[in-house]
Amino acid sequence: DPTALRRTVDTHNRAIDAGRPDPFGKPD
């Protein structure tokens, strides 16, 4: 699903940019 994958990537990247922890617990 391209829309869902784009959303997953954007959520992942925004969390890193904002300094938020990974929702799955991946170490920084």
mmCIF file of all heavy atoms, coordinates in Angstrom:
data_MODEL
# 
_entry.id   MODEL 
# 
loop_
_atom_site.group_PDB 
_atom_site.id 
_atom_site.type_symbol 
_atom_site.label_atom_id 
_atom_site.label_alt_id 
_atom_site.label_comp_id 
_atom_site.label_asym_id 
_atom_site.label_entity_id 
_atom_site.label_seq_id 
_atom_site.pdbx_PDB_ins_code 
_atom_site.Cartn_x 
_atom_site.Cartn_y 
_atom_site.Cartn_z 
_atom_site.occupancy 
_atom_site.B_iso_or_equiv 
_atom_site.pdbx_formal_charge 
_atom_site.auth_seq_id 
_atom_site.auth_comp_id 
_atom_site.auth_asym_id 
_atom_site.auth_atom_id 
_atom_site.pdbx_PDB_model_num 
ATOM 1   N N   . ASP A 1 1  ? 0.852  -1.195 0.000  1.00 0.00 ? 1  ASP A N   1 
ATOM 2   C CA  . ASP A 1 1  ? 0.000  0.000  0.000  1.00 0.00 ? 1  ASP A CA  1 
ATOM 3   C C   . ASP A 1 1  ? 0.891  1.249  0.000  1.00 0.00 ? 1  ASP A C   1 
ATOM 4   O O   . ASP A 1 1  ? 1.566  1.522  1.003  1.00 0.00 ? 1  ASP A O   1 
ATOM 5   C CB  . ASP A 1 1  ? -0.888 -0.026 1.253  1.00 0.00 ? 1  ASP A CB  1 
ATOM 6   C CG  . ASP A 1 1  ? -1.875 1.133  1.291  1.00 0.00 ? 1  ASP A CG  1 
ATOM 7   O OD1 . ASP A 1 1  ? -1.560 2.220  0.779  1.00 0.00 ? 1  ASP A OD1 1 
ATOM 8   O OD2 . ASP A 1 1  ? -2.954 0.961  1.886  1.00 0.00 ? 1  ASP A OD2 1 
ATOM 9   N N   . PRO A 1 2  ? 0.914  2.033  -1.081 1.00 0.00 ? 2  PRO A N   1 
ATOM 10  C CA  . PRO A 1 2  ? 1.842  3.171  -1.168 1.00 0.00 ? 2  PRO A CA  1 
ATOM 11  C C   . PRO A 1 2  ? 1.513  4.299  -0.203 1.00 0.00 ? 2  PRO A C   1 
ATOM 12  O O   . PRO A 1 2  ? 2.412  4.933  0.356  1.00 0.00 ? 2  PRO A O   1 
ATOM 13  C CB  . PRO A 1 2  ? 1.707  3.624  -2.622 1.00 0.00 ? 2  PRO A CB  1 
ATOM 14  C CG  . PRO A 1 2  ? 0.358  3.136  -3.055 1.00 0.00 ? 2  PRO A CG  1 
ATOM 15  C CD  . PRO A 1 2  ? 0.118  1.871  -2.316 1.00 0.00 ? 2  PRO A CD  1 
ATOM 16  N N   . THR A 1 3  ? 0.229  4.568  -0.006 1.00 0.00 ? 3  THR A N   1 
ATOM 17  C CA  . THR A 1 3  ? -0.162 5.643  0.905  1.00 0.00 ? 3  THR A CA  1 
ATOM 18  C C   . THR A 1 3  ? 0.235  5.308  2.338  1.00 0.00 ? 3  THR A C   1 
ATOM 19  O O   . THR A 1 3  ? 0.771  6.154  3.066  1.00 0.00 ? 3  THR A O   1 
ATOM 20  C CB  . THR A 1 3  ? -1.686 5.878  0.834  1.00 0.00 ? 3  THR A CB  1 
ATOM 21  O OG1 . THR A 1 3  ? -2.046 6.186  -0.519 1.00 0.00 ? 3  THR A OG1 1 
ATOM 22  C CG2 . THR A 1 3  ? -2.097 7.021  1.745  1.00 0.00 ? 3  THR A CG2 1 
ATOM 23  N N   . ALA A 1 4  ? -0.015 4.078  2.713  1.00 0.00 ? 4  ALA A N   1 
ATOM 24  C CA  . ALA A 1 4  ? 0.325  3.664  4.068  1.00 0.00 ? 4  ALA A CA  1 
ATOM 25  C C   . ALA A 1 4  ? 1.834  3.657  4.290  1.00 0.00 ? 4  ALA A C   1 
ATOM 26  O O   . ALA A 1 4  ? 2.321  4.042  5.363  1.00 0.00 ? 4  ALA A O   1 
ATOM 27  C CB  . ALA A 1 4  ? -0.250 2.289  4.354  1.00 0.00 ? 4  ALA A CB  1 
ATOM 28  N N   . LEU A 1 5  ? 2.602  3.212  3.293  1.00 0.00 ? 5  LEU A N   1 
ATOM 29  C CA  . LEU A 1 5  ? 4.052  3.199  3.444  1.00 0.00 ? 5  LEU A CA  1 
ATOM 30  C C   . LEU A 1 5  ? 4.594  4.616  3.553  1.00 0.00 ? 5  LEU A C   1 
ATOM 31  O O   . LEU A 1 5  ? 5.488  4.876  4.375  1.00 0.00 ? 5  LEU A O   1 
ATOM 32  C CB  . LEU A 1 5  ? 4.708  2.473  2.273  1.00 0.00 ? 5  LEU A CB  1 
ATOM 33  C CG  . LEU A 1 5  ? 6.232  2.292  2.404  1.00 0.00 ? 5  LEU A CG  1 
ATOM 34  C CD1 . LEU A 1 5  ? 6.583  1.486  3.646  1.00 0.00 ? 5  LEU A CD1 1 
ATOM 35  C CD2 . LEU A 1 5  ? 6.816  1.628  1.160  1.00 0.00 ? 5  LEU A CD2 1 
ATOM 36  N N   . ARG A 1 6  ? 4.073  5.527  2.760  1.00 0.00 ? 6  ARG A N   1 
ATOM 37  C CA  . ARG A 1 6  ? 4.487  6.924  2.873  1.00 0.00 ? 6  ARG A CA  1 
ATOM 38  C C   . ARG A 1 6  ? 4.190  7.459  4.267  1.00 0.00 ? 6  ARG A C   1 
ATOM 39  O O   . ARG A 1 6  ? 5.023  8.147  4.879  1.00 0.00 ? 6  ARG A O   1 
ATOM 40  C CB  . ARG A 1 6  ? 3.780  7.765  1.801  1.00 0.00 ? 6  ARG A CB  1 
ATOM 41  C CG  . ARG A 1 6  ? 3.872  9.276  2.004  1.00 0.00 ? 6  ARG A CG  1 
ATOM 42  C CD  . ARG A 1 6  ? 5.282  9.778  2.204  1.00 0.00 ? 6  ARG A CD  1 
ATOM 43  N NE  . ARG A 1 6  ? 6.070  9.666  0.996  1.00 0.00 ? 6  ARG A NE  1 
ATOM 44  C CZ  . ARG A 1 6  ? 7.377  9.917  0.937  1.00 0.00 ? 6  ARG A CZ  1 
ATOM 45  N NH1 . ARG A 1 6  ? 8.046  10.242 2.039  1.00 0.00 ? 6  ARG A NH1 1 
ATOM 46  N NH2 . ARG A 1 6  ? 8.034  9.797  -0.199 1.00 0.00 ? 6  ARG A NH2 1 
ATOM 47  N N   . ARG A 1 7  ? 3.042  7.127  4.803  1.00 0.00 ? 7  ARG A N   1 
ATOM 48  C CA  . ARG A 1 7  ? 2.678  7.580  6.153  1.00 0.00 ? 7  ARG A CA  1 
ATOM 49  C C   . ARG A 1 7  ? 3.642  6.986  7.191  1.00 0.00 ? 7  ARG A C   1 
ATOM 50  O O   . ARG A 1 7  ? 4.059  7.685  8.124  1.00 0.00 ? 7  ARG A O   1 
ATOM 51  C CB  . ARG A 1 7  ? 1.235  7.183  6.457  1.00 0.00 ? 7  ARG A CB  1 
ATOM 52  C CG  . ARG A 1 7  ? 0.724  7.692  7.788  1.00 0.00 ? 7  ARG A CG  1 
ATOM 53  C CD  . ARG A 1 7  ? -0.793 7.578  7.881  1.00 0.00 ? 7  ARG A CD  1 
ATOM 54  N NE  . ARG A 1 7  ? -1.255 6.215  7.643  1.00 0.00 ? 7  ARG A NE  1 
ATOM 55  C CZ  . ARG A 1 7  ? -1.964 5.844  6.576  1.00 0.00 ? 7  ARG A CZ  1 
ATOM 56  N NH1 . ARG A 1 7  ? -2.276 6.722  5.635  1.00 0.00 ? 7  ARG A NH1 1 
ATOM 57  N NH2 . ARG A 1 7  ? -2.359 4.583  6.431  1.00 0.00 ? 7  ARG A NH2 1 
ATOM 58  N N   . THR A 1 8  ? 3.998  5.727  7.025  1.00 0.00 ? 8  THR A N   1 
ATOM 59  C CA  . THR A 1 8  ? 4.925  5.080  7.949  1.00 0.00 ? 8  THR A CA  1 
ATOM 60  C C   . THR A 1 8  ? 6.287  5.764  7.922  1.00 0.00 ? 8  THR A C   1 
ATOM 61  O O   . THR A 1 8  ? 6.889  6.043  8.971  1.00 0.00 ? 8  THR A O   1 
ATOM 62  C CB  . THR A 1 8  ? 5.089  3.592  7.581  1.00 0.00 ? 8  THR A CB  1 
ATOM 63  O OG1 . THR A 1 8  ? 3.859  2.917  7.804  1.00 0.00 ? 8  THR A OG1 1 
ATOM 64  C CG2 . THR A 1 8  ? 6.183  2.926  8.409  1.00 0.00 ? 8  THR A CG2 1 
ATOM 65  N N   . VAL A 1 9  ? 6.794  6.050  6.732  1.00 0.00 ? 9  VAL A N   1 
ATOM 66  C CA  . VAL A 1 9  ? 8.092  6.699  6.594  1.00 0.00 ? 9  VAL A CA  1 
ATOM 67  C C   . VAL A 1 9  ? 8.058  8.106  7.173  1.00 0.00 ? 9  VAL A C   1 
ATOM 68  O O   . VAL A 1 9  ? 8.976  8.522  7.910  1.00 0.00 ? 9  VAL A O   1 
ATOM 69  C CB  . VAL A 1 9  ? 8.527  6.723  5.113  1.00 0.00 ? 9  VAL A CB  1 
ATOM 70  C CG1 . VAL A 1 9  ? 9.777  7.586  4.931  1.00 0.00 ? 9  VAL A CG1 1 
ATOM 71  C CG2 . VAL A 1 9  ? 8.784  5.313  4.605  1.00 0.00 ? 9  VAL A CG2 1 
ATOM 72  N N   . ASP A 1 10 ? 6.999  8.867  6.870  1.00 0.00 ? 10 ASP A N   1 
ATOM 73  C CA  . ASP A 1 10 ? 6.911  10.234 7.381  1.00 0.00 ? 10 ASP A CA  1 
ATOM 74  C C   . ASP A 1 10 ? 6.822  10.257 8.902  1.00 0.00 ? 10 ASP A C   1 
ATOM 75  O O   . ASP A 1 10 ? 7.454  11.101 9.559  1.00 0.00 ? 10 ASP A O   1 
ATOM 76  C CB  . ASP A 1 10 ? 5.691  10.936 6.784  1.00 0.00 ? 10 ASP A CB  1 
ATOM 77  C CG  . ASP A 1 10 ? 5.864  11.252 5.302  1.00 0.00 ? 10 ASP A CG  1 
ATOM 78  O OD1 . ASP A 1 10 ? 7.014  11.172 4.813  1.00 0.00 ? 10 ASP A OD1 1 
ATOM 79  O OD2 . ASP A 1 10 ? 4.858  11.551 4.635  1.00 0.00 ? 10 ASP A OD2 1 
ATOM 80  N N   . THR A 1 11 ? 6.054  9.339  9.469  1.00 0.00 ? 11 THR A N   1 
ATOM 81  C CA  . THR A 1 11 ? 5.929  9.265  10.930 1.00 0.00 ? 11 THR A CA  1 
ATOM 82  C C   . THR A 1 11 ? 7.279  8.939  11.563 1.00 0.00 ? 11 THR A C   1 
ATOM 83  O O   . THR A 1 11 ? 7.669  9.530  12.579 1.00 0.00 ? 11 THR A O   1 
ATOM 84  C CB  . THR A 1 11 ? 4.897  8.186  11.322 1.00 0.00 ? 11 THR A CB  1 
ATOM 85  O OG1 . THR A 1 11 ? 3.624  8.536  10.766 1.00 0.00 ? 11 THR A OG1 1 
ATOM 86  C CG2 . THR A 1 11 ? 4.783  8.075  12.835 1.00 0.00 ? 11 THR A CG2 1 
ATOM 87  N N   . HIS A 1 12 ? 7.990  8.011  10.956 1.00 0.00 ? 12 HIS A N   1 
ATOM 88  C CA  . HIS A 1 12 ? 9.315  7.623  11.445 1.00 0.00 ? 12 HIS A CA  1 
ATOM 89  C C   . HIS A 1 12 ? 10.273 8.803  11.395 1.00 0.00 ? 12 HIS A C   1 
ATOM 90  O O   . HIS A 1 12 ? 10.980 9.105  12.384 1.00 0.00 ? 12 HIS A O   1 
ATOM 91  C CB  . HIS A 1 12 ? 9.838  6.478  10.581 1.00 0.00 ? 12 HIS A CB  1 
ATOM 92  C CG  . HIS A 1 12 ? 11.273 6.141  10.811 1.00 0.00 ? 12 HIS A CG  1 
ATOM 93  N ND1 . HIS A 1 12 ? 11.711 5.444  11.914 1.00 0.00 ? 12 HIS A ND1 1 
ATOM 94  C CD2 . HIS A 1 12 ? 12.390 6.404  10.062 1.00 0.00 ? 12 HIS A CD2 1 
ATOM 95  C CE1 . HIS A 1 12 ? 13.014 5.287  11.857 1.00 0.00 ? 12 HIS A CE1 1 
ATOM 96  N NE2 . HIS A 1 12 ? 13.458 5.861  10.736 1.00 0.00 ? 12 HIS A NE2 1 
ATOM 97  N N   . ASN A 1 13 ? 10.323 9.498  10.285 1.00 0.00 ? 13 ASN A N   1 
ATOM 98  C CA  . ASN A 1 13 ? 11.260 10.609 10.116 1.00 0.00 ? 13 ASN A CA  1 
ATOM 99  C C   . ASN A 1 13 ? 10.916 11.781 11.019 1.00 0.00 ? 13 ASN A C   1 
ATOM 100 O O   . ASN A 1 13 ? 11.816 12.417 11.599 1.00 0.00 ? 13 ASN A O   1 
ATOM 101 C CB  . ASN A 1 13 ? 11.276 11.060 8.656  1.00 0.00 ? 13 ASN A CB  1 
ATOM 102 C CG  . ASN A 1 13 ? 11.885 10.016 7.731  1.00 0.00 ? 13 ASN A CG  1 
ATOM 103 O OD1 . ASN A 1 13 ? 12.544 9.080  8.185  1.00 0.00 ? 13 ASN A OD1 1 
ATOM 104 N ND2 . ASN A 1 13 ? 11.655 10.168 6.436  1.00 0.00 ? 13 ASN A ND2 1 
ATOM 105 N N   . ARG A 1 14 ? 9.629  12.101 11.164 1.00 0.00 ? 14 ARG A N   1 
ATOM 106 C CA  . ARG A 1 14 ? 9.229  13.225 12.024 1.00 0.00 ? 14 ARG A CA  1 
ATOM 107 C C   . ARG A 1 14 ? 9.590  12.956 13.481 1.00 0.00 ? 14 ARG A C   1 
ATOM 108 O O   . ARG A 1 14 ? 9.989  13.873 14.211 1.00 0.00 ? 14 ARG A O   1 
ATOM 109 C CB  . ARG A 1 14 ? 7.738  13.500 11.879 1.00 0.00 ? 14 ARG A CB  1 
ATOM 110 C CG  . ARG A 1 14 ? 7.358  14.243 10.602 1.00 0.00 ? 14 ARG A CG  1 
ATOM 111 C CD  . ARG A 1 14 ? 5.948  14.823 10.703 1.00 0.00 ? 14 ARG A CD  1 
ATOM 112 N NE  . ARG A 1 14 ? 4.937  13.791 10.827 1.00 0.00 ? 14 ARG A NE  1 
ATOM 113 C CZ  . ARG A 1 14 ? 4.277  13.253 9.805  1.00 0.00 ? 14 ARG A CZ  1 
ATOM 114 N NH1 . ARG A 1 14 ? 4.538  13.665 8.565  1.00 0.00 ? 14 ARG A NH1 1 
ATOM 115 N NH2 . ARG A 1 14 ? 3.363  12.328 10.000 1.00 0.00 ? 14 ARG A NH2 1 
ATOM 116 N N   . ALA A 1 15 ? 9.442  11.713 13.907 1.00 0.00 ? 15 ALA A N   1 
ATOM 117 C CA  . ALA A 1 15 ? 9.781  11.367 15.289 1.00 0.00 ? 15 ALA A CA  1 
ATOM 118 C C   . ALA A 1 15 ? 11.270 11.598 15.549 1.00 0.00 ? 15 ALA A C   1 
ATOM 119 O O   . ALA A 1 15 ? 11.659 12.099 16.613 1.00 0.00 ? 15 ALA A O   1 
ATOM 120 C CB  . ALA A 1 15 ? 9.407  9.925  15.577 1.00 0.00 ? 15 ALA A CB  1 
ATOM 121 N N   . ILE A 1 16 ? 12.103 11.241 14.593 1.00 0.00 ? 16 ILE A N   1 
ATOM 122 C CA  . ILE A 1 16 ? 13.549 11.468 14.744 1.00 0.00 ? 16 ILE A CA  1 
ATOM 123 C C   . ILE A 1 16 ? 13.844 12.959 14.783 1.00 0.00 ? 16 ILE A C   1 
ATOM 124 O O   . ILE A 1 16 ? 14.597 13.446 15.650 1.00 0.00 ? 16 ILE A O   1 
ATOM 125 C CB  . ILE A 1 16 ? 14.319 10.788 13.600 1.00 0.00 ? 16 ILE A CB  1 
ATOM 126 C CG1 . ILE A 1 16 ? 14.194 9.264  13.694 1.00 0.00 ? 16 ILE A CG1 1 
ATOM 127 C CG2 . ILE A 1 16 ? 15.794 11.199 13.625 1.00 0.00 ? 16 ILE A CG2 1 
ATOM 128 C CD1 . ILE A 1 16 ? 14.816 8.526  12.536 1.00 0.00 ? 16 ILE A CD1 1 
ATOM 129 N N   . ASP A 1 17 ? 13.241 13.716 13.863 1.00 0.00 ? 17 ASP A N   1 
ATOM 130 C CA  . ASP A 1 17 ? 13.476 15.167 13.801 1.00 0.00 ? 17 ASP A CA  1 
ATOM 131 C C   . ASP A 1 17 ? 13.042 15.855 15.088 1.00 0.00 ? 17 ASP A C   1 
ATOM 132 O O   . ASP A 1 17 ? 13.687 16.811 15.542 1.00 0.00 ? 17 ASP A O   1 
ATOM 133 C CB  . ASP A 1 17 ? 12.719 15.773 12.612 1.00 0.00 ? 17 ASP A CB  1 
ATOM 134 C CG  . ASP A 1 17 ? 13.294 15.329 11.269 1.00 0.00 ? 17 ASP A CG  1 
ATOM 135 O OD1 . ASP A 1 17 ? 14.455 14.868 11.257 1.00 0.00 ? 17 ASP A OD1 1 
ATOM 136 O OD2 . ASP A 1 17 ? 12.579 15.423 10.252 1.00 0.00 ? 17 ASP A OD2 1 
ATOM 137 N N   . ALA A 1 18 ? 11.957 15.372 15.691 1.00 0.00 ? 18 ALA A N   1 
ATOM 138 C CA  . ALA A 1 18 ? 11.416 15.997 16.895 1.00 0.00 ? 18 ALA A CA  1 
ATOM 139 C C   . ALA A 1 18 ? 12.056 15.465 18.176 1.00 0.00 ? 18 ALA A C   1 
ATOM 140 O O   . ALA A 1 18 ? 11.745 15.953 19.271 1.00 0.00 ? 18 ALA A O   1 
ATOM 141 C CB  . ALA A 1 18 ? 9.899  15.786 16.951 1.00 0.00 ? 18 ALA A CB  1 
ATOM 142 N N   . GLY A 1 19 ? 12.933 14.477 18.043 1.00 0.00 ? 19 GLY A N   1 
ATOM 143 C CA  . GLY A 1 19 ? 13.571 13.920 19.225 1.00 0.00 ? 19 GLY A CA  1 
ATOM 144 C C   . GLY A 1 19 ? 12.663 13.036 20.052 1.00 0.00 ? 19 GLY A C   1 
ATOM 145 O O   . GLY A 1 19 ? 12.933 12.801 21.242 1.00 0.00 ? 19 GLY A O   1 
ATOM 146 N N   . ARG A 1 20 ? 11.601 12.516 19.439 1.00 0.00 ? 20 ARG A N   1 
ATOM 147 C CA  . ARG A 1 20 ? 10.689 11.620 20.159 1.00 0.00 ? 20 ARG A CA  1 
ATOM 148 C C   . ARG A 1 20 ? 11.194 10.183 20.083 1.00 0.00 ? 20 ARG A C   1 
ATOM 149 O O   . ARG A 1 20 ? 11.829 9.790  19.097 1.00 0.00 ? 20 ARG A O   1 
ATOM 150 C CB  . ARG A 1 20 ? 9.281  11.709 19.573 1.00 0.00 ? 20 ARG A CB  1 
ATOM 151 C CG  . ARG A 1 20 ? 8.608  13.060 19.740 1.00 0.00 ? 20 ARG A CG  1 
ATOM 152 C CD  . ARG A 1 20 ? 7.109  12.966 19.440 1.00 0.00 ? 20 ARG A CD  1 
ATOM 153 N NE  . ARG A 1 20 ? 6.852  12.514 18.084 1.00 0.00 ? 20 ARG A NE  1 
ATOM 154 C CZ  . ARG A 1 20 ? 6.733  13.328 17.027 1.00 0.00 ? 20 ARG A CZ  1 
ATOM 155 N NH1 . ARG A 1 20 ? 6.870  14.634 17.185 1.00 0.00 ? 20 ARG A NH1 1 
ATOM 156 N NH2 . ARG A 1 20 ? 6.488  12.831 15.830 1.00 0.00 ? 20 ARG A NH2 1 
ATOM 157 N N   . PRO A 1 21 ? 10.905 9.374  21.098 1.00 0.00 ? 21 PRO A N   1 
ATOM 158 C CA  . PRO A 1 21 ? 11.353 7.975  21.072 1.00 0.00 ? 21 PRO A CA  1 
ATOM 159 C C   . PRO A 1 21 ? 10.653 7.189  19.976 1.00 0.00 ? 21 PRO A C   1 
ATOM 160 O O   . PRO A 1 21 ? 9.540  7.513  19.561 1.00 0.00 ? 21 PRO A O   1 
ATOM 161 C CB  . PRO A 1 21 ? 10.983 7.457  22.462 1.00 0.00 ? 21 PRO A CB  1 
ATOM 162 C CG  . PRO A 1 21 ? 9.879  8.351  22.924 1.00 0.00 ? 21 PRO A CG  1 
ATOM 163 C CD  . PRO A 1 21 ? 10.182 9.696  22.343 1.00 0.00 ? 21 PRO A CD  1 
ATOM 164 N N   . ASP A 1 22 ? 11.310 6.153  19.524 1.00 0.00 ? 22 ASP A N   1 
ATOM 165 C CA  . ASP A 1 22 ? 10.735 5.289  18.510 1.00 0.00 ? 22 ASP A CA  1 
ATOM 166 C C   . ASP A 1 22 ? 9.540  4.535  19.102 1.00 0.00 ? 22 ASP A C   1 
ATOM 167 O O   . ASP A 1 22 ? 9.640  3.992  20.213 1.00 0.00 ? 22 ASP A O   1 
ATOM 168 C CB  . ASP A 1 22 ? 11.779 4.287  18.030 1.00 0.00 ? 22 ASP A CB  1 
ATOM 169 C CG  . ASP A 1 22 ? 11.258 3.410  16.912 1.00 0.00 ? 22 ASP A CG  1 
ATOM 170 O OD1 . ASP A 1 22 ? 11.184 3.884  15.774 1.00 0.00 ? 22 ASP A OD1 1 
ATOM 171 O OD2 . ASP A 1 22 ? 10.917 2.239  17.200 1.00 0.00 ? 22 ASP A OD2 1 
ATOM 172 N N   . PRO A 1 23 ? 8.408  4.493  18.410 1.00 0.00 ? 23 PRO A N   1 
ATOM 173 C CA  . PRO A 1 23 ? 7.224  3.815  18.973 1.00 0.00 ? 23 PRO A CA  1 
ATOM 174 C C   . PRO A 1 23 ? 7.419  2.320  19.182 1.00 0.00 ? 23 PRO A C   1 
ATOM 175 O O   . PRO A 1 23 ? 6.708  1.701  19.973 1.00 0.00 ? 23 PRO A O   1 
ATOM 176 C CB  . PRO A 1 23 ? 6.129  4.093  17.937 1.00 0.00 ? 23 PRO A CB  1 
ATOM 177 C CG  . PRO A 1 23 ? 6.855  4.431  16.674 1.00 0.00 ? 23 PRO A CG  1 
ATOM 178 C CD  . PRO A 1 23 ? 8.106  5.120  17.113 1.00 0.00 ? 23 PRO A CD  1 
ATOM 179 N N   . PHE A 1 24 ? 8.388  1.713  18.518 1.00 0.00 ? 24 PHE A N   1 
ATOM 180 C CA  . PHE A 1 24 ? 8.652  0.287  18.696 1.00 0.00 ? 24 PHE A CA  1 
ATOM 181 C C   . PHE A 1 24 ? 9.845  0.039  19.621 1.00 0.00 ? 24 PHE A C   1 
ATOM 182 O O   . PHE A 1 24 ? 10.239 -1.102 19.826 1.00 0.00 ? 24 PHE A O   1 
ATOM 183 C CB  . PHE A 1 24 ? 8.887  -0.392 17.348 1.00 0.00 ? 24 PHE A CB  1 
ATOM 184 C CG  . PHE A 1 24 ? 7.633  -0.543 16.533 1.00 0.00 ? 24 PHE A CG  1 
ATOM 185 C CD1 . PHE A 1 24 ? 7.206  0.479  15.701 1.00 0.00 ? 24 PHE A CD1 1 
ATOM 186 C CD2 . PHE A 1 24 ? 6.875  -1.703 16.606 1.00 0.00 ? 24 PHE A CD2 1 
ATOM 187 C CE1 . PHE A 1 24 ? 6.044  0.345  14.942 1.00 0.00 ? 24 PHE A CE1 1 
ATOM 188 C CE2 . PHE A 1 24 ? 5.710  -1.843 15.863 1.00 0.00 ? 24 PHE A CE2 1 
ATOM 189 C CZ  . PHE A 1 24 ? 5.293  -0.811 15.032 1.00 0.00 ? 24 PHE A CZ  1 
ATOM 190 N N   . GLY A 1 25 ? 10.415 1.132  20.144 1.00 0.00 ? 25 GLY A N   1 
ATOM 191 C CA  . GLY A 1 25 ? 11.494 0.995  21.109 1.00 0.00 ? 25 GLY A CA  1 
ATOM 192 C C   . GLY A 1 25 ? 12.881 0.901  20.522 1.00 0.00 ? 25 GLY A C   1 
ATOM 193 O O   . GLY A 1 25 ? 13.833 0.591  21.244 1.00 0.00 ? 25 GLY A O   1 
ATOM 194 N N   . LYS A 1 26 ? 13.040 1.159  19.227 1.00 0.00 ? 26 LYS A N   1 
ATOM 195 C CA  . LYS A 1 26 ? 14.379 1.069  18.641 1.00 0.00 ? 26 LYS A CA  1 
ATOM 196 C C   . LYS A 1 26 ? 15.299 2.090  19.304 1.00 0.00 ? 26 LYS A C   1 
ATOM 197 O O   . LYS A 1 26 ? 14.940 3.262  19.456 1.00 0.00 ? 26 LYS A O   1 
ATOM 198 C CB  . LYS A 1 26 ? 14.327 1.311  17.135 1.00 0.00 ? 26 LYS A CB  1 
ATOM 199 C CG  . LYS A 1 26 ? 15.694 1.193  16.458 1.00 0.00 ? 26 LYS A CG  1 
ATOM 200 C CD  . LYS A 1 26 ? 15.647 1.573  14.987 1.00 0.00 ? 26 LYS A CD  1 
ATOM 201 C CE  . LYS A 1 26 ? 15.009 0.502  14.144 1.00 0.00 ? 26 LYS A CE  1 
ATOM 202 N NZ  . LYS A 1 26 ? 15.161 0.781  12.688 1.00 0.00 ? 26 LYS A NZ  1 
ATOM 203 N N   . PRO A 1 27 ? 16.517 1.680  19.694 1.00 0.00 ? 27 PRO A N   1 
ATOM 204 C CA  . PRO A 1 27 ? 17.454 2.607  20.339 1.00 0.00 ? 27 PRO A CA  1 
ATOM 205 C C   . PRO A 1 27 ? 17.809 3.773  19.414 1.00 0.00 ? 27 PRO A C   1 
ATOM 206 O O   . PRO A 1 27 ? 17.921 3.619  18.194 1.00 0.00 ? 27 PRO A O   1 
ATOM 207 C CB  . PRO A 1 27 ? 18.680 1.733  20.616 1.00 0.00 ? 27 PRO A CB  1 
ATOM 208 C CG  . PRO A 1 27 ? 18.170 0.332  20.615 1.00 0.00 ? 27 PRO A CG  1 
ATOM 209 C CD  . PRO A 1 27 ? 17.043 0.307  19.632 1.00 0.00 ? 27 PRO A CD  1 
ATOM 210 N N   . ASP A 1 28 ? 18.005 4.937  20.011 1.00 0.00 ? 28 ASP A N   1 
ATOM 211 C CA  . ASP A 1 28 ? 18.296 6.138  19.220 1.00 0.00 ? 28 ASP A CA  1 
ATOM 212 C C   . ASP A 1 28 ? 19.559 5.979  18.388 1.00 0.00 ? 28 ASP A C   1 
ATOM 213 O O   . ASP A 1 28 ? 19.660 6.522  17.278 1.00 0.00 ? 28 ASP A O   1 
ATOM 214 C CB  . ASP A 1 28 ? 18.442 7.353  20.149 1.00 0.00 ? 28 ASP A CB  1 
ATOM 215 C CG  . ASP A 1 28 ? 17.113 7.789  20.750 1.00 0.00 ? 28 ASP A CG  1 
ATOM 216 O OD1 . ASP A 1 28 ? 16.061 7.403  20.195 1.00 0.00 ? 28 ASP A OD1 1 
ATOM 217 O OD2 . ASP A 1 28 ? 17.126 8.498  21.778 1.00 0.00 ? 28 ASP A OD2 1 
# 
